[in-house]
Every structure is written in C-alpha cells, then in structure tokens.
N, C-alpha and C. Protein backbone atom coordinates (compact mmCIF):
# COMPACT_ATOMS: atom_id res chain seq x y z
N UNK A 1 -3.62 -21.39 -6.91
CA UNK A 1 -4.09 -20.38 -5.98
C UNK A 1 -5.62 -20.38 -6.00
N UNK A 2 -6.23 -20.66 -4.87
CA UNK A 2 -7.70 -20.69 -4.81
C UNK A 2 -8.30 -19.32 -5.11
N UNK A 3 -9.37 -19.33 -5.88
CA UNK A 3 -9.97 -18.07 -6.32
C UNK A 3 -10.67 -17.30 -5.22
N UNK A 4 -11.43 -17.99 -4.36
CA UNK A 4 -12.19 -17.27 -3.34
C UNK A 4 -11.27 -16.60 -2.32
N UNK A 5 -10.18 -17.27 -1.95
CA UNK A 5 -9.25 -16.67 -1.01
C UNK A 5 -8.53 -15.48 -1.64
N UNK A 6 -8.17 -15.61 -2.90
CA UNK A 6 -7.52 -14.50 -3.59
C UNK A 6 -8.46 -13.31 -3.69
N UNK A 7 -9.70 -13.58 -4.03
CA UNK A 7 -10.68 -12.50 -4.15
C UNK A 7 -10.86 -11.79 -2.82
N UNK A 8 -10.95 -12.56 -1.74
CA UNK A 8 -11.11 -11.97 -0.42
C UNK A 8 -9.91 -11.10 -0.06
N UNK A 9 -8.72 -11.59 -0.33
CA UNK A 9 -7.52 -10.84 0.00
C UNK A 9 -7.41 -9.56 -0.83
N UNK A 10 -7.67 -9.68 -2.14
CA UNK A 10 -7.63 -8.49 -3.00
C UNK A 10 -8.70 -7.48 -2.58
N UNK A 11 -9.86 -7.97 -2.20
CA UNK A 11 -10.93 -7.07 -1.76
C UNK A 11 -10.53 -6.34 -0.48
N UNK A 12 -9.94 -7.06 0.44
CA UNK A 12 -9.50 -6.45 1.69
C UNK A 12 -8.42 -5.40 1.44
N UNK A 13 -7.48 -5.73 0.57
CA UNK A 13 -6.42 -4.76 0.23
C UNK A 13 -7.01 -3.53 -0.46
N UNK A 14 -7.94 -3.75 -1.36
CA UNK A 14 -8.58 -2.63 -2.04
C UNK A 14 -9.33 -1.74 -1.07
N UNK A 15 -10.02 -2.35 -0.12
CA UNK A 15 -10.74 -1.57 0.89
C UNK A 15 -9.77 -0.73 1.72
N UNK A 16 -8.68 -1.34 2.14
CA UNK A 16 -7.69 -0.63 2.96
C UNK A 16 -7.07 0.52 2.16
N UNK A 17 -6.72 0.26 0.91
CA UNK A 17 -6.14 1.31 0.08
C UNK A 17 -7.12 2.46 -0.13
N UNK A 18 -8.37 2.12 -0.38
CA UNK A 18 -9.39 3.15 -0.56
C UNK A 18 -9.62 3.95 0.71
N UNK A 19 -9.68 3.26 1.84
CA UNK A 19 -9.90 3.95 3.11
C UNK A 19 -8.71 4.84 3.46
N UNK A 20 -7.52 4.37 3.18
CA UNK A 20 -6.32 5.15 3.51
C UNK A 20 -6.15 6.35 2.59
N UNK A 21 -6.74 6.30 1.42
CA UNK A 21 -6.59 7.43 0.48
C UNK A 21 -7.34 8.67 0.97
N UNK A 22 -8.20 8.51 1.95
CA UNK A 22 -8.92 9.65 2.52
C UNK A 22 -7.93 10.65 3.13
N UNK A 23 -6.78 10.18 3.51
CA UNK A 23 -5.75 11.04 4.09
C UNK A 23 -5.43 12.20 3.16
N UNK A 24 -5.47 11.95 1.87
CA UNK A 24 -5.11 12.99 0.91
C UNK A 24 -6.18 14.07 0.77
N UNK A 25 -7.32 13.88 1.40
CA UNK A 25 -8.36 14.91 1.36
C UNK A 25 -8.16 15.97 2.44
N UNK A 26 -7.25 15.73 3.37
CA UNK A 26 -6.95 16.73 4.40
C UNK A 26 -6.02 17.78 3.82
N UNK A 27 -6.60 18.81 3.27
CA UNK A 27 -5.79 19.82 2.58
C UNK A 27 -4.99 20.69 3.54
N UNK A 28 -5.34 20.67 4.83
CA UNK A 28 -4.57 21.48 5.77
C UNK A 28 -3.30 20.76 6.23
N UNK A 29 -3.16 19.48 5.90
CA UNK A 29 -1.93 18.75 6.21
C UNK A 29 -0.93 18.96 5.08
N UNK A 30 0.35 19.09 5.41
CA UNK A 30 1.36 19.16 4.34
C UNK A 30 1.40 17.84 3.56
N UNK A 31 1.75 17.95 2.30
CA UNK A 31 1.78 16.77 1.43
C UNK A 31 2.73 15.71 1.97
N UNK A 32 3.86 16.14 2.53
CA UNK A 32 4.83 15.17 3.07
C UNK A 32 4.23 14.40 4.25
N UNK A 33 3.44 15.06 5.08
CA UNK A 33 2.80 14.39 6.20
C UNK A 33 1.77 13.37 5.69
N UNK A 34 1.05 13.73 4.65
CA UNK A 34 0.07 12.81 4.07
C UNK A 34 0.75 11.54 3.56
N UNK A 35 1.87 11.72 2.88
CA UNK A 35 2.59 10.57 2.33
C UNK A 35 3.12 9.68 3.45
N UNK A 36 3.71 10.28 4.46
CA UNK A 36 4.28 9.49 5.57
C UNK A 36 3.19 8.72 6.30
N UNK A 37 2.09 9.37 6.60
CA UNK A 37 1.00 8.68 7.32
C UNK A 37 0.41 7.57 6.45
N UNK A 38 0.22 7.84 5.18
CA UNK A 38 -0.30 6.81 4.28
C UNK A 38 0.65 5.62 4.22
N UNK A 39 1.94 5.89 4.12
CA UNK A 39 2.92 4.81 4.07
C UNK A 39 2.90 3.99 5.36
N UNK A 40 2.80 4.66 6.50
CA UNK A 40 2.76 3.93 7.77
C UNK A 40 1.51 3.06 7.88
N UNK A 41 0.40 3.56 7.38
CA UNK A 41 -0.82 2.75 7.37
C UNK A 41 -0.62 1.52 6.49
N UNK A 42 0.05 1.69 5.36
CA UNK A 42 0.31 0.55 4.48
C UNK A 42 1.23 -0.47 5.14
N UNK A 43 2.21 0.01 5.90
CA UNK A 43 3.13 -0.90 6.60
C UNK A 43 2.38 -1.72 7.64
N UNK A 44 1.44 -1.09 8.32
CA UNK A 44 0.71 -1.77 9.40
C UNK A 44 -0.38 -2.69 8.85
N UNK A 45 -0.91 -2.40 7.68
CA UNK A 45 -2.04 -3.18 7.17
C UNK A 45 -1.68 -4.07 5.97
N UNK A 46 -1.15 -3.49 4.93
CA UNK A 46 -0.91 -4.24 3.69
C UNK A 46 0.28 -5.20 3.82
N UNK A 47 1.36 -4.75 4.43
CA UNK A 47 2.53 -5.62 4.56
C UNK A 47 2.21 -6.92 5.31
N UNK A 48 1.52 -6.87 6.45
CA UNK A 48 1.15 -8.14 7.09
C UNK A 48 0.24 -9.02 6.21
N UNK A 49 -0.67 -8.39 5.47
CA UNK A 49 -1.52 -9.17 4.57
C UNK A 49 -0.69 -9.87 3.49
N UNK A 50 0.31 -9.19 2.98
CA UNK A 50 1.17 -9.81 1.97
C UNK A 50 1.94 -10.99 2.56
N UNK A 51 2.40 -10.84 3.78
CA UNK A 51 3.11 -11.94 4.44
C UNK A 51 2.18 -13.13 4.70
N UNK A 52 0.98 -12.84 5.19
CA UNK A 52 0.00 -13.91 5.43
C UNK A 52 -0.34 -14.60 4.12
N UNK A 53 -0.51 -13.82 3.07
CA UNK A 53 -0.85 -14.37 1.76
C UNK A 53 0.25 -15.32 1.28
N UNK A 54 1.49 -14.90 1.42
CA UNK A 54 2.59 -15.75 0.96
C UNK A 54 2.68 -17.03 1.79
N UNK A 55 2.49 -16.93 3.09
CA UNK A 55 2.52 -18.13 3.93
C UNK A 55 1.38 -19.07 3.56
N UNK A 56 0.20 -18.50 3.34
CA UNK A 56 -0.98 -19.32 3.03
C UNK A 56 -0.82 -20.07 1.71
N UNK A 57 -0.31 -19.39 0.70
CA UNK A 57 -0.25 -20.00 -0.63
C UNK A 57 1.03 -20.77 -0.91
N UNK A 58 2.11 -20.47 -0.20
CA UNK A 58 3.36 -21.18 -0.47
C UNK A 58 3.85 -22.00 0.72
N UNK A 59 3.27 -21.79 1.88
CA UNK A 59 3.68 -22.54 3.06
C UNK A 59 4.81 -21.87 3.83
N UNK A 60 5.38 -20.83 3.29
CA UNK A 60 6.44 -20.10 3.99
C UNK A 60 6.49 -18.67 3.46
N UNK A 61 7.16 -17.82 4.20
CA UNK A 61 7.29 -16.43 3.77
C UNK A 61 8.74 -16.00 3.88
N UNK A 62 9.21 -15.36 2.87
CA UNK A 62 10.54 -14.75 2.89
C UNK A 62 10.33 -13.28 3.21
N UNK A 63 10.47 -12.95 4.48
CA UNK A 63 10.17 -11.59 4.92
C UNK A 63 10.96 -10.56 4.13
N UNK A 64 12.23 -10.83 3.91
CA UNK A 64 13.05 -9.84 3.22
C UNK A 64 12.60 -9.63 1.78
N UNK A 65 12.18 -10.70 1.11
CA UNK A 65 11.70 -10.55 -0.27
C UNK A 65 10.38 -9.79 -0.32
N UNK A 66 9.49 -10.12 0.60
CA UNK A 66 8.20 -9.42 0.64
C UNK A 66 8.42 -7.95 0.99
N UNK A 67 9.28 -7.70 1.97
CA UNK A 67 9.56 -6.32 2.37
C UNK A 67 10.22 -5.54 1.23
N UNK A 68 11.15 -6.17 0.54
CA UNK A 68 11.82 -5.49 -0.58
C UNK A 68 10.82 -5.14 -1.68
N UNK A 69 9.94 -6.06 -2.01
CA UNK A 69 8.92 -5.79 -3.04
C UNK A 69 7.97 -4.69 -2.58
N UNK A 70 7.57 -4.76 -1.32
CA UNK A 70 6.67 -3.76 -0.76
C UNK A 70 7.30 -2.37 -0.82
N UNK A 71 8.55 -2.27 -0.41
CA UNK A 71 9.23 -0.97 -0.41
C UNK A 71 9.47 -0.47 -1.83
N UNK A 72 9.80 -1.38 -2.75
CA UNK A 72 10.04 -0.98 -4.13
C UNK A 72 8.76 -0.41 -4.76
N UNK A 73 7.67 -1.11 -4.60
CA UNK A 73 6.40 -0.64 -5.16
C UNK A 73 5.96 0.66 -4.47
N UNK A 74 6.12 0.71 -3.16
CA UNK A 74 5.77 1.93 -2.43
C UNK A 74 6.58 3.12 -2.89
N UNK A 75 7.87 2.92 -3.08
CA UNK A 75 8.74 4.00 -3.53
C UNK A 75 8.34 4.48 -4.93
N UNK A 76 8.02 3.55 -5.81
CA UNK A 76 7.59 3.91 -7.16
C UNK A 76 6.31 4.74 -7.11
N UNK A 77 5.35 4.31 -6.29
CA UNK A 77 4.10 5.07 -6.17
C UNK A 77 4.31 6.44 -5.54
N UNK A 78 5.22 6.53 -4.59
CA UNK A 78 5.51 7.84 -3.99
C UNK A 78 6.10 8.78 -5.04
N UNK A 79 7.02 8.28 -5.84
CA UNK A 79 7.63 9.10 -6.90
C UNK A 79 6.56 9.57 -7.90
N UNK A 80 5.71 8.65 -8.32
CA UNK A 80 4.64 9.01 -9.26
C UNK A 80 3.72 10.05 -8.65
N UNK A 81 3.37 9.87 -7.38
CA UNK A 81 2.48 10.82 -6.71
C UNK A 81 3.12 12.20 -6.61
N UNK A 82 4.38 12.25 -6.26
CA UNK A 82 5.08 13.53 -6.15
C UNK A 82 5.14 14.22 -7.51
N UNK A 83 5.44 13.46 -8.55
CA UNK A 83 5.50 14.04 -9.90
C UNK A 83 4.14 14.59 -10.31
N UNK A 84 3.09 13.81 -10.08
CA UNK A 84 1.75 14.27 -10.44
C UNK A 84 1.35 15.50 -9.63
N UNK A 85 1.74 15.53 -8.38
CA UNK A 85 1.42 16.68 -7.53
C UNK A 85 2.15 17.93 -8.02
N UNK A 86 3.42 17.77 -8.39
CA UNK A 86 4.21 18.93 -8.84
C UNK A 86 3.76 19.44 -10.20
N UNK A 87 3.27 18.55 -11.06
CA UNK A 87 2.84 18.98 -12.38
C UNK A 87 1.41 19.52 -12.37
N UNK A 88 0.76 19.43 -11.23
CA UNK A 88 -0.60 19.95 -11.12
C UNK A 88 -1.67 19.01 -11.62
N UNK A 89 -1.31 17.78 -11.92
CA UNK A 89 -2.29 16.81 -12.41
C UNK A 89 -3.00 16.09 -11.26
N UNK A 90 -2.60 16.44 -10.05
CA UNK A 90 -3.23 15.86 -8.87
C UNK A 90 -3.46 16.99 -7.88
N UNK A 91 -4.62 16.99 -7.27
CA UNK A 91 -4.92 18.05 -6.30
C UNK A 91 -4.18 17.86 -5.02
C-alpha cells in the first residue's frame, strides 16, 4: 500500500469526520436528529471513499463487504455515543 496515497485518504477522511462532527454542536437539534444526519453524511462521503480505496489498492471492491464493515463500525460508534450521552460524559 503506497504511503502517500494512504496518507491522503486518511487525511481526507479525518477532515470529513471533523467537519461532520460540527453537527453535534447544534444543541437545539434533538440528539437523534444529529445522529441520523451525521450517519447520512458518512454514507455520502466516507462510504464512497472506502470503496474507491479498496478498488485502488486491490483492483476490485466487494460492495457488500465494505458496506457491512461500514455499518458495523457505524453501529458500534452510535452505541458508544448514546451510552456516553446518557451517562453524562458527553455534552
């Protein structure tokens, strides 16, 4: 895996994740709306990047595998976020 391409992709993903996290600063939005909008932004931005990354580095993409991994990680993060929110460890 080439280092410069990986660095560029990770940087782009980090930027998108950081920019999308601004959604959680809208305190007048319900928490459920924040999660749904954040997830939709991830589907539109991060999921295609993951597919492009897999095609670039392996020559092909297994959409179902990438989608399953994406949903699994997303679900885990949603659960962690909800737990932290309920315990008061997250604003």
